[in-house]
Amino acid sequence: IQWGYDSLPNGLPTEQEIERGREIYSELDRLIGKGGVYAMSRTGDGGRTIYYYVSDPASHADALRSYFDSLPPISVRVIARDEPDWHSIREVLSAAK
């Protein structure tokens, strides 16, 4: 899930966006929690990418669409792709070593 936010000059979110982020994470955890797991987030350059691994992305599509449609307009993009080996998170973990 890619979320664009208002940022400080260093690319990190403003205090208001940090609070909005808490609300977004809380709701995403509620919506995805039983059928998936939060894996990681990447933050910077005015955006955050939030990674969840789920067994069936289609089972979350309607709930995610309803949730994001209920918010005031924000920049958000939801992308589902097949990644059975958790490549994205393995890449980050390898770079952190």
C-alpha atoms as a PDB file:
ATOM      1  CA  ILE A   1       0.000   0.000   0.000  1.00  0.00           C
ATOM      2  CA  GLN A   2       1.611   3.256  -1.100  1.00  0.00           C
ATOM      3  CA  TRP A   3       0.554   6.358   0.764  1.00  0.00           C
ATOM      4  CA  GLY A   4       1.717   9.854  -0.175  1.00  0.00           C
ATOM      5  CA  TYR A   5       1.776  12.432   2.612  1.00  0.00           C
ATOM      6  CA  ASP A   6       2.647  16.048   3.328  1.00  0.00           C
ATOM      7  CA  SER A   7       6.313  16.045   4.216  1.00  0.00           C
ATOM      8  CA  LEU A   8       8.966  18.061   5.955  1.00  0.00           C
ATOM      9  CA  PRO A   9      11.963  19.272   3.897  1.00  0.00           C
ATOM     10  CA  ASN A  10      13.788  16.029   4.791  1.00  0.00           C
ATOM     11  CA  GLY A  11      11.003  13.892   3.252  1.00  0.00           C
ATOM     12  CA  LEU A  12       9.616  12.600   6.545  1.00  0.00           C
ATOM     13  CA  PRO A  13       5.957  13.131   7.478  1.00  0.00           C
ATOM     14  CA  THR A  14       4.679  16.172   9.349  1.00  0.00           C
ATOM     15  CA  GLU A  15       3.237  15.678  12.847  1.00  0.00           C
ATOM     16  CA  GLN A  16      -0.293  15.792  11.397  1.00  0.00           C
ATOM     17  CA  GLU A  17       0.622  13.081   8.896  1.00  0.00           C
ATOM     18  CA  ILE A  18       2.205  10.960  11.638  1.00  0.00           C
ATOM     19  CA  GLU A  19      -1.143  11.017  13.446  1.00  0.00           C
ATOM     20  CA  ARG A  20      -2.990  10.165  10.224  1.00  0.00           C
ATOM     21  CA  GLY A  21      -0.508   7.324   9.709  1.00  0.00           C
ATOM     22  CA  ARG A  22      -1.342   5.888  13.135  1.00  0.00           C
ATOM     23  CA  GLU A  23      -4.997   5.822  12.170  1.00  0.00           C
ATOM     24  CA  ILE A  24      -4.249   4.226   8.794  1.00  0.00           C
ATOM     25  CA  TYR A  25      -2.031   1.540  10.335  1.00  0.00           C
ATOM     26  CA  SER A  26      -4.615   0.769  13.001  1.00  0.00           C
ATOM     27  CA  GLU A  27      -7.380   0.335  10.456  1.00  0.00           C
ATOM     28  CA  LEU A  28      -5.197  -1.695   8.080  1.00  0.00           C
ATOM     29  CA  ASP A  29      -4.228  -4.001  10.934  1.00  0.00           C
ATOM     30  CA  ARG A  30      -7.910  -4.467  11.735  1.00  0.00           C
ATOM     31  CA  LEU A  31      -8.870  -5.121   8.100  1.00  0.00           C
ATOM     32  CA  ILE A  32      -5.962  -7.396   7.218  1.00  0.00           C
ATOM     33  CA  GLY A  33      -5.104  -8.823  10.629  1.00  0.00           C
ATOM     34  CA  LYS A  34      -6.870 -12.179  10.439  1.00  0.00           C
ATOM     35  CA  GLY A  35      -5.884 -12.996   6.863  1.00  0.00           C
ATOM     36  CA  GLY A  36      -2.407 -11.537   6.720  1.00  0.00           C
ATOM     37  CA  VAL A  37       0.570 -10.091   8.518  1.00  0.00           C
ATOM     38  CA  TYR A  38       2.229  -6.678   8.549  1.00  0.00           C
ATOM     39  CA  ALA A  39       5.809  -7.095   7.301  1.00  0.00           C
ATOM     40  CA  MET A  40       7.471  -3.673   7.063  1.00  0.00           C
ATOM     41  CA  SER A  41       7.252  -0.060   5.929  1.00  0.00           C
ATOM     42  CA  ARG A  42       9.541   2.141   3.901  1.00  0.00           C
ATOM     43  CA  THR A  43       9.295   5.871   4.577  1.00  0.00           C
ATOM     44  CA  GLY A  44      10.790   8.894   2.843  1.00  0.00           C
ATOM     45  CA  ASP A  45      10.542  11.321  -0.045  1.00  0.00           C
ATOM     46  CA  GLY A  46       6.977  12.239   0.857  1.00  0.00           C
ATOM     47  CA  GLY A  47       5.611   8.726   0.915  1.00  0.00           C
ATOM     48  CA  ARG A  48       5.366   5.467   2.729  1.00  0.00           C
ATOM     49  CA  THR A  49       5.051   1.959   1.338  1.00  0.00           C
ATOM     50  CA  ILE A  50       3.407  -0.456   3.752  1.00  0.00           C
ATOM     51  CA  TYR A  51       3.951  -4.165   3.108  1.00  0.00           C
ATOM     52  CA  TYR A  52       1.450  -6.797   4.181  1.00  0.00           C
ATOM     53  CA  TYR A  53       1.681 -10.455   3.257  1.00  0.00           C
ATOM     54  CA  VAL A  54      -1.740 -12.052   2.821  1.00  0.00           C
ATOM     55  CA  SER A  55      -2.903 -15.467   1.751  1.00  0.00           C
ATOM     56  CA  ASP A  56      -5.658 -14.135  -0.535  1.00  0.00           C
ATOM     57  CA  PRO A  57      -5.389 -10.476  -1.646  1.00  0.00           C
ATOM     58  CA  ALA A  58      -8.815 -10.550  -3.306  1.00  0.00           C
ATOM     59  CA  SER A  59     -10.450 -11.251   0.050  1.00  0.00           C
ATOM     60  CA  HIS A  60      -9.327  -7.816   1.298  1.00  0.00           C
ATOM     61  CA  ALA A  61     -10.019  -5.749  -1.818  1.00  0.00           C
ATOM     62  CA  ASP A  62     -13.565  -4.598  -1.010  1.00  0.00           C
ATOM     63  CA  ALA A  63     -12.763  -3.706   2.597  1.00  0.00           C
ATOM     64  CA  LEU A  64      -9.659  -1.737   1.584  1.00  0.00           C
ATOM     65  CA  ARG A  65     -11.537   0.112  -1.152  1.00  0.00           C
ATOM     66  CA  SER A  66     -14.360   1.000   1.244  1.00  0.00           C
ATOM     67  CA  TYR A  67     -11.926   2.203   3.884  1.00  0.00           C
ATOM     68  CA  PHE A  68      -9.883   4.430   1.569  1.00  0.00           C
ATOM     69  CA  ASP A  69     -13.054   5.754  -0.097  1.00  0.00           C
ATOM     70  CA  SER A  70     -14.328   6.780   3.356  1.00  0.00           C
ATOM     71  CA  LEU A  71     -11.316   9.038   4.005  1.00  0.00           C
ATOM     72  CA  PRO A  72     -10.885  12.609   2.883  1.00  0.00           C
ATOM     73  CA  PRO A  73      -8.936  12.607  -0.382  1.00  0.00           C
ATOM     74  CA  ILE A  74      -5.402  11.279   0.127  1.00  0.00           C
ATOM     75  CA  SER A  75      -2.800   9.876  -2.211  1.00  0.00           C
ATOM     76  CA  VAL A  76      -2.965   6.092  -1.891  1.00  0.00           C
ATOM     77  CA  ARG A  77      -2.338   3.145  -4.181  1.00  0.00           C
ATOM     78  CA  VAL A  78      -2.931  -0.510  -3.378  1.00  0.00           C
ATOM     79  CA  ILE A  79      -0.963  -3.078  -5.359  1.00  0.00           C
ATOM     80  CA  ALA A  80      -1.286  -6.839  -4.998  1.00  0.00           C
ATOM     81  CA  ARG A  81       1.390  -9.092  -6.392  1.00  0.00           C
ATOM     82  CA  ASP A  82       2.499 -12.658  -5.963  1.00  0.00           C
ATOM     83  CA  GLU A  83       5.591 -12.842  -3.759  1.00  0.00           C
ATOM     84  CA  PRO A  84       5.663 -16.292  -2.114  1.00  0.00           C
ATOM     85  CA  ASP A  85       9.320 -16.012  -1.101  1.00  0.00           C
ATOM     86  CA  TRP A  86       8.880 -12.597   0.587  1.00  0.00           C
ATOM     87  CA  HIS A  87      11.509 -11.079  -1.732  1.00  0.00           C
ATOM     88  CA  SER A  88      10.854  -7.434  -0.735  1.00  0.00           C
ATOM     89  CA  ILE A  89      11.437  -7.979   2.956  1.00  0.00           C
ATOM     90  CA  ARG A  90      14.412 -10.298   2.359  1.00  0.00           C
ATOM     91  CA  GLU A  91      16.012  -7.575   0.231  1.00  0.00           C
ATOM     92  CA  VAL A  92      15.677  -5.022   3.033  1.00  0.00           C
ATOM     93  CA  LEU A  93      16.967  -7.429   5.670  1.00  0.00           C
ATOM     94  CA  SER A  94      19.985  -8.297   3.524  1.00  0.00           C
ATOM     95  CA  ALA A  95      20.824  -4.622   3.042  1.00  0.00           C
ATOM     96  CA  ALA A  96      20.616  -4.008   6.812  1.00  0.00           C
ATOM     97  CA  LYS A  97      23.287  -6.597   7.637  1.00  0.00           C
END
